[in-house]
N, C-alpha and C. Protein backbone atom coordinates (compact mmCIF):
# COMPACT_ATOMS: atom_id res chain seq x y z
N MET A 1 34.37 -8.08 2.25
CA MET A 1 33.37 -8.80 1.48
C MET A 1 33.27 -8.16 0.10
N SER A 2 33.31 -8.99 -0.93
CA SER A 2 33.22 -8.47 -2.29
C SER A 2 31.83 -7.92 -2.57
N ASN A 3 31.74 -7.08 -3.59
CA ASN A 3 30.48 -6.48 -3.96
C ASN A 3 29.45 -7.54 -4.37
N LEU A 4 29.89 -8.56 -5.13
CA LEU A 4 28.97 -9.63 -5.54
C LEU A 4 28.46 -10.41 -4.34
N LYS A 5 29.33 -10.67 -3.39
CA LYS A 5 28.94 -11.41 -2.19
C LYS A 5 27.93 -10.59 -1.38
N ALA A 6 28.15 -9.27 -1.30
CA ALA A 6 27.22 -8.40 -0.58
C ALA A 6 25.86 -8.36 -1.27
N GLN A 7 25.85 -8.29 -2.60
CA GLN A 7 24.59 -8.28 -3.36
C GLN A 7 23.84 -9.58 -3.15
N GLU A 8 24.56 -10.68 -3.21
CA GLU A 8 23.92 -11.99 -3.02
C GLU A 8 23.32 -12.07 -1.62
N LYS A 9 23.99 -11.56 -0.64
CA LYS A 9 23.50 -11.60 0.74
C LYS A 9 22.22 -10.78 0.88
N VAL A 10 22.19 -9.59 0.29
CA VAL A 10 20.99 -8.75 0.35
C VAL A 10 19.81 -9.45 -0.34
N ILE A 11 20.07 -10.02 -1.51
CA ILE A 11 19.01 -10.73 -2.24
C ILE A 11 18.52 -11.93 -1.43
N ARG A 12 19.44 -12.71 -0.90
CA ARG A 12 19.07 -13.92 -0.15
C ARG A 12 18.27 -13.57 1.11
N TYR A 13 18.71 -12.57 1.86
CA TYR A 13 18.00 -12.21 3.08
C TYR A 13 16.65 -11.57 2.80
N THR A 14 16.56 -10.75 1.76
CA THR A 14 15.28 -10.16 1.39
C THR A 14 14.31 -11.24 0.94
N LEU A 15 14.78 -12.14 0.10
CA LEU A 15 13.94 -13.25 -0.38
C LEU A 15 13.52 -14.13 0.79
N GLY A 16 14.45 -14.48 1.65
CA GLY A 16 14.13 -15.33 2.80
C GLY A 16 13.11 -14.67 3.72
N PHE A 17 13.25 -13.36 3.94
CA PHE A 17 12.30 -12.63 4.78
C PHE A 17 10.91 -12.65 4.15
N LEU A 18 10.81 -12.38 2.84
CA LEU A 18 9.51 -12.39 2.17
C LEU A 18 8.87 -13.78 2.22
N LEU A 19 9.67 -14.81 2.05
CA LEU A 19 9.14 -16.17 2.12
C LEU A 19 8.66 -16.50 3.53
N ALA A 20 9.39 -16.05 4.53
CA ALA A 20 8.97 -16.27 5.92
C ALA A 20 7.66 -15.55 6.20
N LEU A 21 7.55 -14.31 5.73
CA LEU A 21 6.32 -13.54 5.92
C LEU A 21 5.14 -14.21 5.21
N LEU A 22 5.38 -14.67 3.99
CA LEU A 22 4.33 -15.37 3.25
C LEU A 22 3.90 -16.64 3.98
N SER A 23 4.86 -17.40 4.51
CA SER A 23 4.50 -18.63 5.21
C SER A 23 3.69 -18.33 6.47
N LEU A 24 4.07 -17.32 7.23
CA LEU A 24 3.30 -16.95 8.42
C LEU A 24 1.89 -16.54 8.05
N ASN A 25 1.74 -15.75 6.99
CA ASN A 25 0.43 -15.32 6.54
C ASN A 25 -0.42 -16.51 6.08
N ALA A 26 0.18 -17.41 5.32
CA ALA A 26 -0.57 -18.57 4.81
C ALA A 26 -0.95 -19.52 5.94
N PHE A 27 -0.04 -19.74 6.88
CA PHE A 27 -0.36 -20.61 8.02
C PHE A 27 -1.46 -19.99 8.88
N ALA A 28 -1.39 -18.68 9.11
CA ALA A 28 -2.43 -18.01 9.91
C ALA A 28 -3.78 -18.05 9.20
N GLY A 29 -3.78 -17.73 7.90
CA GLY A 29 -5.02 -17.76 7.13
C GLY A 29 -5.60 -19.17 7.03
N GLY A 30 -4.72 -20.13 6.81
CA GLY A 30 -5.16 -21.52 6.74
C GLY A 30 -5.77 -21.99 8.05
N TYR A 31 -5.11 -21.67 9.14
CA TYR A 31 -5.61 -22.05 10.46
C TYR A 31 -6.96 -21.38 10.73
N TYR A 32 -7.06 -20.08 10.41
CA TYR A 32 -8.29 -19.34 10.63
C TYR A 32 -9.45 -19.98 9.86
N GLY A 33 -9.19 -20.35 8.61
CA GLY A 33 -10.24 -20.98 7.81
C GLY A 33 -10.62 -22.36 8.30
N ILE A 34 -9.63 -23.15 8.69
CA ILE A 34 -9.90 -24.49 9.21
C ILE A 34 -10.69 -24.41 10.51
N ALA A 35 -10.42 -23.36 11.29
CA ALA A 35 -11.11 -23.17 12.57
C ALA A 35 -12.53 -22.63 12.39
N GLY A 36 -12.95 -22.37 11.15
CA GLY A 36 -14.32 -21.95 10.91
C GLY A 36 -14.48 -20.62 10.19
N ALA A 37 -13.43 -19.87 10.01
CA ALA A 37 -13.45 -18.59 9.29
C ALA A 37 -14.57 -17.68 9.80
N GLU A 38 -14.58 -17.48 11.11
CA GLU A 38 -15.58 -16.61 11.72
C GLU A 38 -15.55 -15.22 11.07
N ASN A 39 -16.71 -14.67 10.83
CA ASN A 39 -16.88 -13.34 10.22
C ASN A 39 -16.53 -13.29 8.72
N VAL A 40 -16.33 -14.43 8.09
CA VAL A 40 -16.12 -14.47 6.64
C VAL A 40 -17.40 -15.06 6.03
N PRO A 41 -18.08 -14.30 5.18
CA PRO A 41 -19.37 -14.75 4.65
C PRO A 41 -19.25 -16.02 3.81
N LEU A 42 -20.10 -16.99 4.10
CA LEU A 42 -20.16 -18.22 3.30
C LEU A 42 -20.69 -17.94 1.90
N GLU A 43 -21.38 -16.81 1.72
CA GLU A 43 -21.92 -16.45 0.41
C GLU A 43 -20.79 -16.31 -0.63
N TRP A 44 -19.61 -15.99 -0.18
CA TRP A 44 -18.47 -15.86 -1.10
C TRP A 44 -18.20 -17.18 -1.83
N LEU A 45 -18.59 -18.28 -1.22
CA LEU A 45 -18.32 -19.60 -1.81
C LEU A 45 -19.43 -20.07 -2.75
N GLU A 46 -20.50 -19.29 -2.87
CA GLU A 46 -21.60 -19.69 -3.75
C GLU A 46 -21.10 -19.84 -5.17
N GLY A 47 -21.48 -20.94 -5.80
CA GLY A 47 -21.04 -21.22 -7.16
C GLY A 47 -19.68 -21.91 -7.22
N SER A 48 -19.07 -22.11 -6.08
CA SER A 48 -17.77 -22.81 -6.03
C SER A 48 -18.01 -24.26 -5.65
N PRO A 49 -16.99 -25.10 -5.76
CA PRO A 49 -17.16 -26.49 -5.35
C PRO A 49 -17.10 -26.68 -3.83
N PHE A 50 -17.01 -25.59 -3.06
CA PHE A 50 -16.82 -25.69 -1.61
C PHE A 50 -18.06 -25.20 -0.85
N SER A 51 -18.41 -25.94 0.19
CA SER A 51 -19.54 -25.52 1.03
C SER A 51 -19.05 -24.88 2.33
N SER A 52 -17.75 -25.00 2.59
CA SER A 52 -17.14 -24.36 3.76
C SER A 52 -15.73 -23.94 3.38
N TYR A 53 -15.07 -23.26 4.31
CA TYR A 53 -13.70 -22.81 4.05
C TYR A 53 -12.65 -23.85 4.44
N PHE A 54 -13.08 -25.01 4.90
CA PHE A 54 -12.12 -26.01 5.39
C PHE A 54 -11.13 -26.45 4.30
N ILE A 55 -11.61 -26.93 3.17
CA ILE A 55 -10.73 -27.45 2.11
C ILE A 55 -9.86 -26.35 1.51
N PRO A 56 -10.43 -25.18 1.14
CA PRO A 56 -9.55 -24.13 0.63
C PRO A 56 -8.49 -23.70 1.65
N SER A 57 -8.87 -23.67 2.92
CA SER A 57 -7.92 -23.28 3.96
C SER A 57 -6.83 -24.32 4.15
N LEU A 58 -7.20 -25.58 4.02
CA LEU A 58 -6.21 -26.66 4.11
C LEU A 58 -5.23 -26.56 2.94
N ILE A 59 -5.72 -26.25 1.76
CA ILE A 59 -4.86 -26.07 0.59
C ILE A 59 -3.93 -24.87 0.81
N LEU A 60 -4.47 -23.78 1.32
CA LEU A 60 -3.66 -22.60 1.63
C LEU A 60 -2.56 -22.94 2.62
N LEU A 61 -2.93 -23.62 3.68
CA LEU A 61 -1.96 -23.97 4.72
C LEU A 61 -0.86 -24.89 4.18
N VAL A 62 -1.26 -25.96 3.50
CA VAL A 62 -0.29 -26.96 3.05
C VAL A 62 0.50 -26.49 1.83
N CYS A 63 -0.18 -26.03 0.79
CA CYS A 63 0.50 -25.70 -0.47
C CYS A 63 1.24 -24.37 -0.40
N VAL A 64 0.54 -23.31 -0.04
CA VAL A 64 1.19 -22.00 0.00
C VAL A 64 2.09 -21.90 1.24
N GLY A 65 1.54 -22.24 2.40
CA GLY A 65 2.34 -22.17 3.62
C GLY A 65 3.51 -23.13 3.61
N GLY A 66 3.26 -24.36 3.19
CA GLY A 66 4.32 -25.37 3.17
C GLY A 66 5.41 -25.05 2.17
N SER A 67 5.02 -24.61 0.96
CA SER A 67 6.04 -24.31 -0.05
C SER A 67 6.86 -23.08 0.34
N SER A 68 6.22 -22.09 0.95
CA SER A 68 6.97 -20.89 1.34
C SER A 68 7.89 -21.17 2.53
N LEU A 69 7.46 -21.99 3.47
CA LEU A 69 8.34 -22.34 4.58
C LEU A 69 9.54 -23.15 4.09
N PHE A 70 9.27 -24.12 3.22
CA PHE A 70 10.36 -24.92 2.67
C PHE A 70 11.35 -24.04 1.89
N ALA A 71 10.81 -23.17 1.04
CA ALA A 71 11.68 -22.28 0.25
C ALA A 71 12.48 -21.35 1.17
N CYS A 72 11.85 -20.84 2.20
CA CYS A 72 12.53 -19.97 3.16
C CYS A 72 13.72 -20.69 3.79
N ILE A 73 13.50 -21.91 4.21
CA ILE A 73 14.57 -22.69 4.86
C ILE A 73 15.73 -22.93 3.91
N VAL A 74 15.44 -23.38 2.68
CA VAL A 74 16.54 -23.68 1.76
C VAL A 74 17.24 -22.42 1.27
N VAL A 75 16.53 -21.29 1.21
CA VAL A 75 17.19 -20.03 0.85
C VAL A 75 18.19 -19.64 1.93
N PHE A 76 17.76 -19.70 3.19
CA PHE A 76 18.67 -19.33 4.28
C PHE A 76 19.81 -20.33 4.45
N MET A 77 19.56 -21.59 4.07
CA MET A 77 20.62 -22.61 4.14
C MET A 77 21.59 -22.51 2.96
N ARG A 78 21.26 -21.69 1.98
CA ARG A 78 22.04 -21.57 0.75
C ARG A 78 22.10 -22.91 0.01
N HIS A 79 21.04 -23.65 0.08
CA HIS A 79 20.96 -24.95 -0.59
C HIS A 79 20.87 -24.76 -2.09
N ARG A 80 21.36 -25.74 -2.83
CA ARG A 80 21.40 -25.63 -4.29
C ARG A 80 20.01 -25.56 -4.93
N ILE A 81 18.96 -25.99 -4.24
CA ILE A 81 17.60 -25.91 -4.81
C ILE A 81 16.85 -24.65 -4.37
N ALA A 82 17.53 -23.73 -3.72
CA ALA A 82 16.87 -22.53 -3.19
C ALA A 82 16.17 -21.73 -4.28
N THR A 83 16.83 -21.54 -5.40
CA THR A 83 16.24 -20.75 -6.49
C THR A 83 14.98 -21.43 -7.02
N LYS A 84 15.06 -22.73 -7.28
CA LYS A 84 13.90 -23.46 -7.80
C LYS A 84 12.76 -23.48 -6.79
N ALA A 85 13.08 -23.71 -5.53
CA ALA A 85 12.05 -23.78 -4.49
C ALA A 85 11.33 -22.45 -4.33
N SER A 86 12.07 -21.36 -4.34
CA SER A 86 11.43 -20.05 -4.17
C SER A 86 10.63 -19.67 -5.42
N CYS A 87 11.11 -20.04 -6.59
CA CYS A 87 10.38 -19.79 -7.84
C CYS A 87 9.07 -20.59 -7.86
N ILE A 88 9.13 -21.84 -7.49
CA ILE A 88 7.92 -22.68 -7.44
C ILE A 88 6.93 -22.11 -6.43
N CYS A 89 7.44 -21.66 -5.28
CA CYS A 89 6.58 -21.06 -4.27
C CYS A 89 5.88 -19.82 -4.82
N GLY A 90 6.60 -18.97 -5.52
CA GLY A 90 5.99 -17.78 -6.12
C GLY A 90 4.90 -18.15 -7.10
N MET A 91 5.13 -19.18 -7.91
CA MET A 91 4.12 -19.61 -8.88
C MET A 91 2.90 -20.22 -8.19
N ILE A 92 3.14 -21.02 -7.12
CA ILE A 92 2.03 -21.59 -6.36
C ILE A 92 1.17 -20.47 -5.76
N THR A 93 1.83 -19.46 -5.24
CA THR A 93 1.11 -18.34 -4.63
C THR A 93 0.27 -17.59 -5.67
N LEU A 94 0.84 -17.34 -6.84
CA LEU A 94 0.07 -16.67 -7.89
C LEU A 94 -1.10 -17.53 -8.36
N LEU A 95 -0.89 -18.83 -8.47
CA LEU A 95 -1.97 -19.74 -8.85
C LEU A 95 -3.07 -19.72 -7.79
N TRP A 96 -2.67 -19.80 -6.52
CA TRP A 96 -3.64 -19.75 -5.42
C TRP A 96 -4.50 -18.49 -5.52
N LEU A 97 -3.84 -17.35 -5.70
CA LEU A 97 -4.58 -16.09 -5.74
C LEU A 97 -5.46 -15.97 -6.98
N THR A 98 -5.00 -16.49 -8.10
CA THR A 98 -5.81 -16.48 -9.32
C THR A 98 -7.10 -17.27 -9.11
N VAL A 99 -6.97 -18.46 -8.55
CA VAL A 99 -8.15 -19.30 -8.28
C VAL A 99 -9.04 -18.64 -7.23
N GLN A 100 -8.42 -18.11 -6.18
CA GLN A 100 -9.20 -17.45 -5.12
C GLN A 100 -10.01 -16.29 -5.68
N ILE A 101 -9.39 -15.44 -6.47
CA ILE A 101 -10.10 -14.29 -7.03
C ILE A 101 -11.16 -14.73 -8.03
N ALA A 102 -10.90 -15.79 -8.77
CA ALA A 102 -11.91 -16.33 -9.70
C ALA A 102 -13.13 -16.84 -8.95
N ILE A 103 -12.92 -17.39 -7.76
CA ILE A 103 -14.04 -17.96 -6.99
C ILE A 103 -14.77 -16.90 -6.16
N ILE A 104 -14.02 -16.10 -5.39
CA ILE A 104 -14.69 -15.17 -4.47
C ILE A 104 -14.58 -13.71 -4.88
N GLY A 105 -13.77 -13.42 -5.90
CA GLY A 105 -13.60 -12.04 -6.34
C GLY A 105 -12.62 -11.27 -5.47
N TYR A 106 -12.53 -9.98 -5.75
CA TYR A 106 -11.64 -9.13 -4.97
C TYR A 106 -12.36 -8.76 -3.67
N VAL A 107 -11.79 -9.19 -2.54
CA VAL A 107 -12.44 -8.95 -1.25
C VAL A 107 -11.51 -8.33 -0.21
N SER A 108 -10.23 -8.24 -0.49
CA SER A 108 -9.29 -7.76 0.53
C SER A 108 -8.08 -7.10 -0.10
N TRP A 109 -7.56 -6.10 0.59
CA TRP A 109 -6.33 -5.44 0.17
C TRP A 109 -5.15 -6.42 0.18
N MET A 110 -5.29 -7.52 0.94
CA MET A 110 -4.20 -8.50 1.00
C MET A 110 -4.00 -9.24 -0.32
N GLN A 111 -5.03 -9.33 -1.15
CA GLN A 111 -4.89 -10.03 -2.42
C GLN A 111 -3.88 -9.33 -3.34
N PRO A 112 -4.03 -8.03 -3.64
CA PRO A 112 -3.01 -7.41 -4.50
C PRO A 112 -1.64 -7.31 -3.82
N VAL A 113 -1.63 -7.12 -2.52
CA VAL A 113 -0.34 -7.06 -1.81
C VAL A 113 0.38 -8.40 -1.92
N THR A 114 -0.36 -9.49 -1.80
CA THR A 114 0.25 -10.82 -1.91
C THR A 114 0.69 -11.10 -3.34
N VAL A 115 -0.06 -10.63 -4.32
CA VAL A 115 0.37 -10.77 -5.73
C VAL A 115 1.70 -10.04 -5.93
N ILE A 116 1.79 -8.83 -5.42
CA ILE A 116 3.04 -8.06 -5.54
C ILE A 116 4.17 -8.80 -4.83
N GLY A 117 3.89 -9.33 -3.65
CA GLY A 117 4.91 -10.11 -2.92
C GLY A 117 5.37 -11.32 -3.71
N ALA A 118 4.43 -12.04 -4.32
CA ALA A 118 4.79 -13.22 -5.12
C ALA A 118 5.63 -12.82 -6.34
N LEU A 119 5.29 -11.71 -6.96
CA LEU A 119 6.07 -11.24 -8.11
C LEU A 119 7.49 -10.83 -7.67
N ILE A 120 7.60 -10.21 -6.51
CA ILE A 120 8.93 -9.87 -5.98
C ILE A 120 9.72 -11.14 -5.67
N ILE A 121 9.06 -12.15 -5.13
CA ILE A 121 9.71 -13.43 -4.86
C ILE A 121 10.24 -14.03 -6.16
N LEU A 122 9.44 -14.00 -7.21
CA LEU A 122 9.89 -14.52 -8.52
C LEU A 122 11.07 -13.71 -9.05
N PHE A 123 11.00 -12.39 -8.92
CA PHE A 123 12.10 -11.53 -9.38
C PHE A 123 13.38 -11.82 -8.60
N LEU A 124 13.28 -11.88 -7.28
CA LEU A 124 14.47 -12.15 -6.46
C LEU A 124 15.02 -13.56 -6.70
N SER A 125 14.12 -14.50 -6.98
CA SER A 125 14.57 -15.86 -7.33
C SER A 125 15.42 -15.85 -8.58
N SER A 126 14.99 -15.06 -9.56
CA SER A 126 15.76 -14.99 -10.81
C SER A 126 17.12 -14.32 -10.56
N LYS A 127 17.15 -13.34 -9.68
CA LYS A 127 18.42 -12.68 -9.34
C LYS A 127 19.33 -13.62 -8.55
N LEU A 128 18.73 -14.40 -7.66
CA LEU A 128 19.52 -15.33 -6.85
C LEU A 128 20.15 -16.42 -7.71
N SER A 129 19.50 -16.74 -8.82
CA SER A 129 20.01 -17.81 -9.69
C SER A 129 21.38 -17.47 -10.28
N LYS A 130 21.77 -16.20 -10.25
CA LYS A 130 23.08 -15.80 -10.78
C LYS A 130 24.24 -16.24 -9.87
N TYR A 131 23.90 -16.57 -8.62
CA TYR A 131 24.95 -16.92 -7.65
C TYR A 131 24.95 -18.43 -7.43
N ALA A 132 26.09 -19.03 -7.58
CA ALA A 132 26.21 -20.48 -7.41
C ALA A 132 26.27 -20.81 -5.92
N TYR A 133 25.60 -21.88 -5.57
CA TYR A 133 25.65 -22.34 -4.17
C TYR A 133 26.64 -23.46 -4.04
């Protein structure tokens, strides 16, 4: 295996793994919120357009979870849209977190960890773009 092929494989598998992890996290968080977000204070939503966690959780599940699952699949399939899909997913995730922090503030260690993960996804997407599918 050539050095370029090995590098591409490492980038693709690392990116695919991060996207899979992000999708599992978003699906779990979305489901938890839709199910009622037990032990999460409703006071966090004061001043927001939401009276419950249902709509934000649905957005998390569909937009963040759906985009990351789709990007994960096309990255592992080596599809020609893999780079664009993973880049869009990273941007959706950063947008989600920006809005979330603007509404409820910093409440969990998962927020900065997810920001770092999204930035790594964007970085790996840019590296993956060097390899033609």
